[in-house]
Amino acid sequence: MSKSSLLSADDIDDLIHGKVRLAAMAFVSGAGEADFTSIKKAVDTSDGNLSVHLRKLEEAGYLCVTKGFNGRKPQTVYALSDVGRKAWLHYLEQMRTIVMSS
């Protein structure tokens, strides 16, 4: 791969690249959909921290959110939106490009 085809740091999607958001996107992508508690366990972070990061992904249109109840307990379920899936696949391609060029 030529030097001119390398990505600069500015080309990387910062919204996904943050470690909590990256872990959450990876988990939700693999799961298809996941509730807040499952994501929290997988990412190993606090409720508040995860909530902030998931909200950023939701506001960007990367996650679809469904709120409901499981029995009498409130439950929030997340899935990648079409925009989120496209951004995720593009992010993965960017990482492949970086790794393959080194």
PDB file of N, CA and C in Angstrom:
ATOM      1  N   MET A   1       0.835  -1.169   0.000  1.00  0.00           N
ATOM      2  CA  MET A   1       0.000   0.000   0.000  1.00  0.00           C
ATOM      3  C   MET A   1       0.883   1.236   0.000  1.00  0.00           C
ATOM      4  N   SER A   2       0.556   2.209  -0.809  1.00  0.00           N
ATOM      5  CA  SER A   2       1.394   3.404  -0.902  1.00  0.00           C
ATOM      6  C   SER A   2       1.137   4.339   0.267  1.00  0.00           C
ATOM      7  N   LYS A   3       2.125   5.169   0.546  1.00  0.00           N
ATOM      8  CA  LYS A   3       1.999   6.133   1.643  1.00  0.00           C
ATOM      9  C   LYS A   3       0.820   7.077   1.424  1.00  0.00           C
ATOM     10  N   SER A   4       0.505   7.401   0.169  1.00  0.00           N
ATOM     11  CA  SER A   4      -0.574   8.344  -0.109  1.00  0.00           C
ATOM     12  C   SER A   4      -1.947   7.772   0.248  1.00  0.00           C
ATOM     13  N   SER A   5      -2.068   6.454   0.386  1.00  0.00           N
ATOM     14  CA  SER A   5      -3.360   5.864   0.703  1.00  0.00           C
ATOM     15  C   SER A   5      -3.557   5.652   2.205  1.00  0.00           C
ATOM     16  N   LEU A   6      -2.571   6.047   3.011  1.00  0.00           N
ATOM     17  CA  LEU A   6      -2.704   5.899   4.454  1.00  0.00           C
ATOM     18  C   LEU A   6      -3.742   6.862   5.001  1.00  0.00           C
ATOM     19  N   LEU A   7      -4.398   6.444   6.033  1.00  0.00           N
ATOM     20  CA  LEU A   7      -5.364   7.313   6.701  1.00  0.00           C
ATOM     21  C   LEU A   7      -4.641   8.229   7.674  1.00  0.00           C
ATOM     22  N   SER A   8      -5.132   9.423   7.791  1.00  0.00           N
ATOM     23  CA  SER A   8      -4.622  10.289   8.846  1.00  0.00           C
ATOM     24  C   SER A   8      -5.516  10.085  10.065  1.00  0.00           C
ATOM     25  N   ALA A   9      -5.053  10.522  11.196  1.00  0.00           N
ATOM     26  CA  ALA A   9      -5.835  10.398  12.427  1.00  0.00           C
ATOM     27  C   ALA A   9      -7.176  11.118  12.293  1.00  0.00           C
ATOM     28  N   ASP A  10      -7.217  12.160  11.485  1.00  0.00           N
ATOM     29  CA  ASP A  10      -8.458  12.914  11.296  1.00  0.00           C
ATOM     30  C   ASP A  10      -9.523  12.118  10.548  1.00  0.00           C
ATOM     31  N   ASP A  11      -9.119  11.048   9.868  1.00  0.00           N
ATOM     32  CA  ASP A  11     -10.065  10.228   9.108  1.00  0.00           C
ATOM     33  C   ASP A  11     -10.817   9.222   9.978  1.00  0.00           C
ATOM     34  N   ILE A  12     -10.357   9.008  11.190  1.00  0.00           N
ATOM     35  CA  ILE A  12     -10.953   8.004  12.066  1.00  0.00           C
ATOM     36  C   ILE A  12     -12.176   8.591  12.771  1.00  0.00           C
ATOM     37  N   ASP A  13     -13.255   7.846  12.784  1.00  0.00           N
ATOM     38  CA  ASP A  13     -14.506   8.280  13.413  1.00  0.00           C
ATOM     39  C   ASP A  13     -14.317   8.326  14.931  1.00  0.00           C
ATOM     40  N   ASP A  14     -14.136   9.529  15.464  1.00  0.00           N
ATOM     41  CA  ASP A  14     -13.917   9.701  16.902  1.00  0.00           C
ATOM     42  C   ASP A  14     -15.102   9.237  17.728  1.00  0.00           C
ATOM     43  N   LEU A  15     -16.280   9.316  17.169  1.00  0.00           N
ATOM     44  CA  LEU A  15     -17.462   8.902  17.907  1.00  0.00           C
ATOM     45  C   LEU A  15     -17.398   7.411  18.226  1.00  0.00           C
ATOM     46  N   ILE A  16     -16.931   6.626  17.302  1.00  0.00           N
ATOM     47  CA  ILE A  16     -16.797   5.186  17.537  1.00  0.00           C
ATOM     48  C   ILE A  16     -15.499   4.876  18.269  1.00  0.00           C
ATOM     49  N   HIS A  17     -14.447   5.598  17.984  1.00  0.00           N
ATOM     50  CA  HIS A  17     -13.101   5.239  18.438  1.00  0.00           C
ATOM     51  C   HIS A  17     -12.882   5.327  19.949  1.00  0.00           C
ATOM     52  N   GLY A  18     -13.691   6.093  20.670  1.00  0.00           N
ATOM     53  CA  GLY A  18     -13.570   6.128  22.125  1.00  0.00           C
ATOM     54  C   GLY A  18     -13.751   4.730  22.682  1.00  0.00           C
ATOM     55  N   LYS A  19     -12.958   4.323  23.653  1.00  0.00           N
ATOM     56  CA  LYS A  19     -12.927   2.909  24.047  1.00  0.00           C
ATOM     57  C   LYS A  19     -14.260   2.357  24.547  1.00  0.00           C
ATOM     58  N   VAL A  20     -15.027   3.114  25.302  1.00  0.00           N
ATOM     59  CA  VAL A  20     -16.324   2.603  25.771  1.00  0.00           C
ATOM     60  C   VAL A  20     -17.291   2.492  24.599  1.00  0.00           C
ATOM     61  N   ARG A  21     -17.312   3.506  23.735  1.00  0.00           N
ATOM     62  CA  ARG A  21     -18.209   3.456  22.577  1.00  0.00           C
ATOM     63  C   ARG A  21     -17.787   2.369  21.592  1.00  0.00           C
ATOM     64  N   LEU A  22     -16.491   2.184  21.423  1.00  0.00           N
ATOM     65  CA  LEU A  22     -15.987   1.126  20.553  1.00  0.00           C
ATOM     66  C   LEU A  22     -16.417  -0.243  21.069  1.00  0.00           C
ATOM     67  N   ALA A  23     -16.242  -0.462  22.357  1.00  0.00           N
ATOM     68  CA  ALA A  23     -16.641  -1.740  22.955  1.00  0.00           C
ATOM     69  C   ALA A  23     -18.149  -1.949  22.847  1.00  0.00           C
ATOM     70  N   ALA A  24     -18.919  -0.904  23.080  1.00  0.00           N
ATOM     71  CA  ALA A  24     -20.377  -1.010  22.987  1.00  0.00           C
ATOM     72  C   ALA A  24     -20.819  -1.300  21.558  1.00  0.00           C
ATOM     73  N   MET A  25     -20.244  -0.594  20.592  1.00  0.00           N
ATOM     74  CA  MET A  25     -20.589  -0.825  19.191  1.00  0.00           C
ATOM     75  C   MET A  25     -20.239  -2.259  18.779  1.00  0.00           C
ATOM     76  N   ALA A  26     -19.076  -2.723  19.196  1.00  0.00           N
ATOM     77  CA  ALA A  26     -18.660  -4.088  18.857  1.00  0.00           C
ATOM     78  C   ALA A  26     -19.625  -5.106  19.462  1.00  0.00           C
ATOM     79  N   PHE A  27     -19.984  -4.901  20.715  1.00  0.00           N
ATOM     80  CA  PHE A  27     -20.880  -5.846  21.382  1.00  0.00           C
ATOM     81  C   PHE A  27     -22.257  -5.858  20.732  1.00  0.00           C
ATOM     82  N   VAL A  28     -22.825  -4.682  20.515  1.00  0.00           N
ATOM     83  CA  VAL A  28     -24.161  -4.604  19.922  1.00  0.00           C
ATOM     84  C   VAL A  28     -24.149  -5.143  18.495  1.00  0.00           C
ATOM     85  N   SER A  29     -23.103  -4.856  17.762  1.00  0.00           N
ATOM     86  CA  SER A  29     -22.986  -5.363  16.398  1.00  0.00           C
ATOM     87  C   SER A  29     -22.996  -6.888  16.379  1.00  0.00           C
ATOM     88  N   GLY A  30     -22.234  -7.484  17.266  1.00  0.00           N
ATOM     89  CA  GLY A  30     -22.165  -8.942  17.330  1.00  0.00           C
ATOM     90  C   GLY A  30     -23.436  -9.579  17.852  1.00  0.00           C
ATOM     91  N   ALA A  31     -24.103  -8.889  18.769  1.00  0.00           N
ATOM     92  CA  ALA A  31     -25.315  -9.434  19.398  1.00  0.00           C
ATOM     93  C   ALA A  31     -26.561  -9.228  18.537  1.00  0.00           C
ATOM     94  N   GLY A  32     -26.520  -8.247  17.650  1.00  0.00           N
ATOM     95  CA  GLY A  32     -27.720  -7.905  16.888  1.00  0.00           C
ATOM     96  C   GLY A  32     -28.545  -6.878  17.628  1.00  0.00           C
ATOM     97  N   GLU A  33     -28.836  -7.162  18.869  1.00  0.00           N
ATOM     98  CA  GLU A  33     -29.449  -6.211  19.788  1.00  0.00           C
ATOM     99  C   GLU A  33     -29.089  -6.646  21.197  1.00  0.00           C
ATOM    100  N   ALA A  34     -29.052  -5.683  22.100  1.00  0.00           N
ATOM    101  CA  ALA A  34     -28.652  -6.002  23.470  1.00  0.00           C
ATOM    102  C   ALA A  34     -29.274  -5.008  24.433  1.00  0.00           C
ATOM    103  N   ASP A  35     -29.627  -5.501  25.620  1.00  0.00           N
ATOM    104  CA  ASP A  35     -30.168  -4.598  26.623  1.00  0.00           C
ATOM    105  C   ASP A  35     -29.028  -3.911  27.383  1.00  0.00           C
ATOM    106  N   PHE A  36     -29.382  -2.854  28.071  1.00  0.00           N
ATOM    107  CA  PHE A  36     -28.408  -2.024  28.772  1.00  0.00           C
ATOM    108  C   PHE A  36     -27.542  -2.857  29.711  1.00  0.00           C
ATOM    109  N   THR A  37     -28.158  -3.750  30.470  1.00  0.00           N
ATOM    110  CA  THR A  37     -27.417  -4.552  31.450  1.00  0.00           C
ATOM    111  C   THR A  37     -26.396  -5.453  30.781  1.00  0.00           C
ATOM    112  N   SER A  38     -26.756  -6.051  29.666  1.00  0.00           N
ATOM    113  CA  SER A  38     -25.816  -6.917  28.938  1.00  0.00           C
ATOM    114  C   SER A  38     -24.635  -6.122  28.404  1.00  0.00           C
ATOM    115  N   ILE A  39     -24.922  -4.943  27.869  1.00  0.00           N
ATOM    116  CA  ILE A  39     -23.840  -4.091  27.355  1.00  0.00           C
ATOM    117  C   ILE A  39     -22.937  -3.667  28.507  1.00  0.00           C
ATOM    118  N   LYS A  40     -23.548  -3.286  29.623  1.00  0.00           N
ATOM    119  CA  LYS A  40     -22.771  -2.846  30.792  1.00  0.00           C
ATOM    120  C   LYS A  40     -21.822  -3.945  31.258  1.00  0.00           C
ATOM    121  N   LYS A  41     -22.307  -5.168  31.332  1.00  0.00           N
ATOM    122  CA  LYS A  41     -21.451  -6.289  31.747  1.00  0.00           C
ATOM    123  C   LYS A  41     -20.331  -6.528  30.744  1.00  0.00           C
ATOM    124  N   ALA A  42     -20.645  -6.465  29.465  1.00  0.00           N
ATOM    125  CA  ALA A  42     -19.645  -6.715  28.423  1.00  0.00           C
ATOM    126  C   ALA A  42     -18.572  -5.631  28.392  1.00  0.00           C
ATOM    127  N   VAL A  43     -18.984  -4.388  28.576  1.00  0.00           N
ATOM    128  CA  VAL A  43     -18.071  -3.254  28.487  1.00  0.00           C
ATOM    129  C   VAL A  43     -17.350  -3.018  29.812  1.00  0.00           C
ATOM    130  N   ASP A  44     -17.953  -3.480  30.907  1.00  0.00           N
ATOM    131  CA  ASP A  44     -17.366  -3.366  32.245  1.00  0.00           C
ATOM    132  C   ASP A  44     -17.139  -1.907  32.644  1.00  0.00           C
ATOM    133  N   THR A  45     -18.254  -1.178  32.696  1.00  0.00           N
ATOM    134  CA  THR A  45     -18.203   0.224  33.114  1.00  0.00           C
ATOM    135  C   THR A  45     -19.421   0.523  33.978  1.00  0.00           C
ATOM    136  N   SER A  46     -19.476   1.719  34.507  1.00  0.00           N
ATOM    137  CA  SER A  46     -20.589   2.101  35.389  1.00  0.00           C
ATOM    138  C   SER A  46     -21.834   2.460  34.579  1.00  0.00           C
ATOM    139  N   ASP A  47     -22.969   2.441  35.250  1.00  0.00           N
ATOM    140  CA  ASP A  47     -24.230   2.822  34.607  1.00  0.00           C
ATOM    141  C   ASP A  47     -24.137   4.213  33.996  1.00  0.00           C
ATOM    142  N   GLY A  48     -23.662   5.161  34.789  1.00  0.00           N
ATOM    143  CA  GLY A  48     -23.601   6.543  34.341  1.00  0.00           C
ATOM    144  C   GLY A  48     -22.683   6.732  33.141  1.00  0.00           C
ATOM    145  N   ASN A  49     -21.508   6.126  33.200  1.00  0.00           N
ATOM    146  CA  ASN A  49     -20.546   6.242  32.100  1.00  0.00           C
ATOM    147  C   ASN A  49     -21.120   5.630  30.820  1.00  0.00           C
ATOM    148  N   LEU A  50     -21.667   4.440  30.930  1.00  0.00           N
ATOM    149  CA  LEU A  50     -22.236   3.787  29.755  1.00  0.00           C
ATOM    150  C   LEU A  50     -23.408   4.579  29.193  1.00  0.00           C
ATOM    151  N   SER A  51     -24.240   5.076  30.076  1.00  0.00           N
ATOM    152  CA  SER A  51     -25.405   5.840  29.651  1.00  0.00           C
ATOM    153  C   SER A  51     -24.998   7.047  28.805  1.00  0.00           C
ATOM    154  N   VAL A  52     -23.971   7.769  29.230  1.00  0.00           N
ATOM    155  CA  VAL A  52     -23.483   8.928  28.483  1.00  0.00           C
ATOM    156  C   VAL A  52     -23.001   8.513  27.099  1.00  0.00           C
ATOM    157  N   HIS A  53     -22.230   7.438  27.029  1.00  0.00           N
ATOM    158  CA  HIS A  53     -21.675   6.997  25.746  1.00  0.00           C
ATOM    159  C   HIS A  53     -22.753   6.453  24.819  1.00  0.00           C
ATOM    160  N   LEU A  54     -23.693   5.698  25.346  1.00  0.00           N
ATOM    161  CA  LEU A  54     -24.773   5.187  24.507  1.00  0.00           C
ATOM    162  C   LEU A  54     -25.644   6.327  23.987  1.00  0.00           C
ATOM    163  N   ARG A  55     -25.848   7.345  24.812  1.00  0.00           N
ATOM    164  CA  ARG A  55     -26.632   8.497  24.381  1.00  0.00           C
ATOM    165  C   ARG A  55     -25.947   9.208  23.220  1.00  0.00           C
ATOM    166  N   LYS A  56     -24.621   9.335  23.286  1.00  0.00           N
ATOM    167  CA  LYS A  56     -23.881   9.968  22.177  1.00  0.00           C
ATOM    168  C   LYS A  56     -24.073   9.183  20.886  1.00  0.00           C
ATOM    169  N   LEU A  57     -24.000   7.863  20.978  1.00  0.00           N
ATOM    170  CA  LEU A  57     -24.191   7.020  19.796  1.00  0.00           C
ATOM    171  C   LEU A  57     -25.625   7.117  19.279  1.00  0.00           C
ATOM    172  N   GLU A  58     -26.578   7.191  20.201  1.00  0.00           N
ATOM    173  CA  GLU A  58     -27.979   7.338  19.811  1.00  0.00           C
ATOM    174  C   GLU A  58     -28.212   8.688  19.135  1.00  0.00           C
ATOM    175  N   GLU A  59     -27.679   9.757  19.715  1.00  0.00           N
ATOM    176  CA  GLU A  59     -27.860  11.093  19.146  1.00  0.00           C
ATOM    177  C   GLU A  59     -27.231  11.221  17.759  1.00  0.00           C
ATOM    178  N   ALA A  60     -26.162  10.466  17.523  1.00  0.00           N
ATOM    179  CA  ALA A  60     -25.518  10.468  16.208  1.00  0.00           C
ATOM    180  C   ALA A  60     -26.292   9.629  15.197  1.00  0.00           C
ATOM    181  N   GLY A  61     -27.293   8.899  15.673  1.00  0.00           N
ATOM    182  CA  GLY A  61     -28.079   8.048  14.788  1.00  0.00           C
ATOM    183  C   GLY A  61     -27.473   6.680  14.563  1.00  0.00           C
ATOM    184  N   TYR A  62     -26.465   6.328  15.365  1.00  0.00           N
ATOM    185  CA  TYR A  62     -25.790   5.038  15.224  1.00  0.00           C
ATOM    186  C   TYR A  62     -26.549   3.903  15.911  1.00  0.00           C
ATOM    187  N   LEU A  63     -27.328   4.226  16.926  1.00  0.00           N
ATOM    188  CA  LEU A  63     -28.078   3.204  17.664  1.00  0.00           C
ATOM    189  C   LEU A  63     -29.566   3.497  17.616  1.00  0.00           C
ATOM    190  N   CYS A  64     -30.355   2.436  17.482  1.00  0.00           N
ATOM    191  CA  CYS A  64     -31.803   2.504  17.660  1.00  0.00           C
ATOM    192  C   CYS A  64     -32.076   2.043  19.090  1.00  0.00           C
ATOM    193  N   VAL A  65     -32.971   2.722  19.759  1.00  0.00           N
ATOM    194  CA  VAL A  65     -33.265   2.421  21.152  1.00  0.00           C
ATOM    195  C   VAL A  65     -34.740   2.084  21.281  1.00  0.00           C
ATOM    196  N   THR A  66     -35.006   0.964  21.955  1.00  0.00           N
ATOM    197  CA  THR A  66     -36.376   0.557  22.239  1.00  0.00           C
ATOM    198  C   THR A  66     -36.521   0.440  23.743  1.00  0.00           C
ATOM    199  N   LYS A  67     -37.478   1.186  24.292  1.00  0.00           N
ATOM    200  CA  LYS A  67     -37.723   1.122  25.731  1.00  0.00           C
ATOM    201  C   LYS A  67     -39.020   0.356  25.948  1.00  0.00           C
ATOM    202  N   GLY A  68     -38.969  -0.529  26.909  1.00  0.00           N
ATOM    203  CA  GLY A  68     -40.145  -1.330  27.220  1.00  0.00           C
ATOM    204  C   GLY A  68     -40.019  -1.906  28.610  1.00  0.00           C
ATOM    205  N   PHE A  69     -40.727  -2.979  28.824  1.00  0.00           N
ATOM    206  CA  PHE A  69     -40.700  -3.638  30.126  1.00  0.00           C
ATOM    207  C   PHE A  69     -40.450  -5.119  29.938  1.00  0.00           C
ATOM    208  N   ASN A  70     -39.705  -5.678  30.855  1.00  0.00           N
ATOM    209  CA  ASN A  70     -39.506  -7.118  30.954  1.00  0.00           C
ATOM    210  C   ASN A  70     -40.168  -7.503  32.266  1.00  0.00           C
ATOM    211  N   GLY A  71     -41.401  -7.983  32.166  1.00  0.00           N
ATOM    212  CA  GLY A  71     -42.207  -8.134  33.370  1.00  0.00           C
ATOM    213  C   GLY A  71     -42.573  -6.743  33.846  1.00  0.00           C
ATOM    214  N   ARG A  72     -42.214  -6.418  35.083  1.00  0.00           N
ATOM    215  CA  ARG A  72     -42.483  -5.079  35.616  1.00  0.00           C
ATOM    216  C   ARG A  72     -41.245  -4.191  35.612  1.00  0.00           C
ATOM    217  N   LYS A  73     -40.132  -4.735  35.137  1.00  0.00           N
ATOM    218  CA  LYS A  73     -38.879  -3.979  35.152  1.00  0.00           C
ATOM    219  C   LYS A  73     -38.675  -3.267  33.824  1.00  0.00           C
ATOM    220  N   PRO A  74     -38.337  -1.974  33.878  1.00  0.00           N
ATOM    221  CA  PRO A  74     -38.041  -1.269  32.628  1.00  0.00           C
ATOM    222  C   PRO A  74     -36.818  -1.871  31.941  1.00  0.00           C
ATOM    223  N   GLN A  75     -36.848  -1.897  30.628  1.00  0.00           N
ATOM    224  CA  GLN A  75     -35.739  -2.465  29.868  1.00  0.00           C
ATOM    225  C   GLN A  75     -35.486  -1.596  28.633  1.00  0.00           C
ATOM    226  N   THR A  76     -34.219  -1.281  28.404  1.00  0.00           N
ATOM    227  CA  THR A  76     -33.806  -0.516  27.231  1.00  0.00           C
ATOM    228  C   THR A  76     -32.957  -1.429  26.356  1.00  0.00           C
ATOM    229  N   VAL A  77     -33.356  -1.560  25.101  1.00  0.00           N
ATOM    230  CA  VAL A  77     -32.668  -2.436  24.159  1.00  0.00           C
ATOM    231  C   VAL A  77     -32.082  -1.582  23.035  1.00  0.00           C
ATOM    232  N   TYR A  78     -30.838  -1.892  22.677  1.00  0.00           N
ATOM    233  CA  TYR A  78     -30.103  -1.149  21.659  1.00  0.00           C
ATOM    234  C   TYR A  78     -29.790  -2.052  20.477  1.00  0.00           C
ATOM    235  N   ALA A  79     -29.827  -1.467  19.288  1.00  0.00           N
ATOM    236  CA  ALA A  79     -29.425  -2.154  18.058  1.00  0.00           C
ATOM    237  C   ALA A  79     -28.777  -1.118  17.150  1.00  0.00           C
ATOM    238  N   LEU A  80     -27.895  -1.562  16.270  1.00  0.00           N
ATOM    239  CA  LEU A  80     -27.308  -0.638  15.307  1.00  0.00           C
ATOM    240  C   LEU A  80     -28.384  -0.212  14.310  1.00  0.00           C
ATOM    241  N   SER A  81     -28.428   1.068  14.027  1.00  0.00           N
ATOM    242  CA  SER A  81     -29.306   1.569  12.970  1.00  0.00           C
ATOM    243  C   SER A  81     -28.607   1.299  11.636  1.00  0.00           C
ATOM    244  N   ASP A  82     -29.276   1.571  10.542  1.00  0.00           N
ATOM    245  CA  ASP A  82     -28.636   1.433   9.229  1.00  0.00           C
ATOM    246  C   ASP A  82     -27.428   2.365   9.131  1.00  0.00           C
ATOM    247  N   VAL A  83     -27.591   3.580   9.630  1.00  0.00           N
ATOM    248  CA  VAL A  83     -26.483   4.542   9.643  1.00  0.00           C
ATOM    249  C   VAL A  83     -25.346   4.026  10.526  1.00  0.00           C
ATOM    250  N   GLY A  84     -25.704   3.470  11.674  1.00  0.00           N
ATOM    251  CA  GLY A  84     -24.705   2.930  12.597  1.00  0.00           C
ATOM    252  C   GLY A  84     -23.953   1.744  12.015  1.00  0.00           C
ATOM    253  N   ARG A  85     -24.674   0.868  11.335  1.00  0.00           N
ATOM    254  CA  ARG A  85     -24.029  -0.293  10.713  1.00  0.00           C
ATOM    255  C   ARG A  85     -23.051   0.165   9.623  1.00  0.00           C
ATOM    256  N   LYS A  86     -23.471   1.134   8.827  1.00  0.00           N
ATOM    257  CA  LYS A  86     -22.602   1.670   7.776  1.00  0.00           C
ATOM    258  C   LYS A  86     -21.363   2.318   8.393  1.00  0.00           C
ATOM    259  N   ALA A  87     -21.543   3.107   9.451  1.00  0.00           N
ATOM    260  CA  ALA A  87     -20.411   3.761  10.127  1.00  0.00           C
ATOM    261  C   ALA A  87     -19.492   2.724  10.759  1.00  0.00           C
ATOM    262  N   TRP A  88     -20.063   1.668  11.332  1.00  0.00           N
ATOM    263  CA  TRP A  88     -19.278   0.603  11.969  1.00  0.00           C
ATOM    264  C   TRP A  88     -18.429  -0.122  10.927  1.00  0.00           C
ATOM    265  N   LEU A  89     -19.035  -0.491   9.812  1.00  0.00           N
ATOM    266  CA  LEU A  89     -18.300  -1.195   8.763  1.00  0.00           C
ATOM    267  C   LEU A  89     -17.203  -0.300   8.168  1.00  0.00           C
ATOM    268  N   HIS A  90     -17.505   0.986   8.018  1.00  0.00           N
ATOM    269  CA  HIS A  90     -16.500   1.925   7.519  1.00  0.00           C
ATOM    270  C   HIS A  90     -15.345   2.043   8.526  1.00  0.00           C
ATOM    271  N   TYR A  91     -15.672   2.120   9.804  1.00  0.00           N
ATOM    272  CA  TYR A  91     -14.648   2.186  10.843  1.00  0.00           C
ATOM    273  C   TYR A  91     -13.740   0.945  10.790  1.00  0.00           C
ATOM    274  N   LEU A  92     -14.349  -0.227  10.680  1.00  0.00           N
ATOM    275  CA  LEU A  92     -13.566  -1.468  10.617  1.00  0.00           C
ATOM    276  C   LEU A  92     -12.657  -1.475   9.387  1.00  0.00           C
ATOM    277  N   GLU A  93     -13.161  -0.970   8.272  1.00  0.00           N
ATOM    278  CA  GLU A  93     -12.341  -0.891   7.057  1.00  0.00           C
ATOM    279  C   GLU A  93     -11.172   0.072   7.260  1.00  0.00           C
ATOM    280  N   GLN A  94     -11.422   1.174   7.940  1.00  0.00           N
ATOM    281  CA  GLN A  94     -10.336   2.115   8.255  1.00  0.00           C
ATOM    282  C   GLN A  94      -9.258   1.426   9.095  1.00  0.00           C
ATOM    283  N   MET A  95      -9.668   0.658  10.086  1.00  0.00           N
ATOM    284  CA  MET A  95      -8.704  -0.029  10.944  1.00  0.00           C
ATOM    285  C   MET A  95      -7.916  -1.070  10.140  1.00  0.00           C
ATOM    286  N   ARG A  96      -8.605  -1.789   9.243  1.00  0.00           N
ATOM    287  CA  ARG A  96      -7.903  -2.754   8.376  1.00  0.00           C
ATOM    288  C   ARG A  96      -6.860  -2.049   7.522  1.00  0.00           C
ATOM    289  N   THR A  97      -7.219  -0.906   6.979  1.00  0.00           N
ATOM    290  CA  THR A  97      -6.297  -0.144   6.138  1.00  0.00           C
ATOM    291  C   THR A  97      -5.058   0.250   6.934  1.00  0.00           C
ATOM    292  N   ILE A  98      -5.254   0.710   8.128  1.00  0.00           N
ATOM    293  CA  ILE A  98      -4.121   1.105   8.980  1.00  0.00           C
ATOM    294  C   ILE A  98      -3.246  -0.097   9.307  1.00  0.00           C
ATOM    295  N   VAL A  99      -3.861  -1.191   9.699  1.00  0.00           N
ATOM    296  CA  VAL A  99      -3.102  -2.391  10.094  1.00  0.00           C
ATOM    297  C   VAL A  99      -2.362  -2.977   8.898  1.00  0.00           C
ATOM    298  N   MET A 100      -3.006  -3.032   7.759  1.00  0.00           N
ATOM    299  CA  MET A 100      -2.394  -3.646   6.574  1.00  0.00           C
ATOM    300  C   MET A 100      -1.289  -2.766   5.984  1.00  0.00           C
ATOM    301  N   SER A 101      -1.289  -1.485   6.296  1.00  0.00           N
ATOM    302  CA  SER A 101      -0.280  -0.598   5.731  1.00  0.00           C
ATOM    303  C   SER A 101       0.981  -0.539   6.599  1.00  0.00           C
ATOM    304  N   SER A 102       0.936  -1.150   7.760  1.00  0.00           N
ATOM    305  CA  SER A 102       2.126  -1.067   8.625  1.00  0.00           C
ATOM    306  C   SER A 102       3.091  -2.201   8.393  1.00  0.00           C
TER     307      SER A 102
END
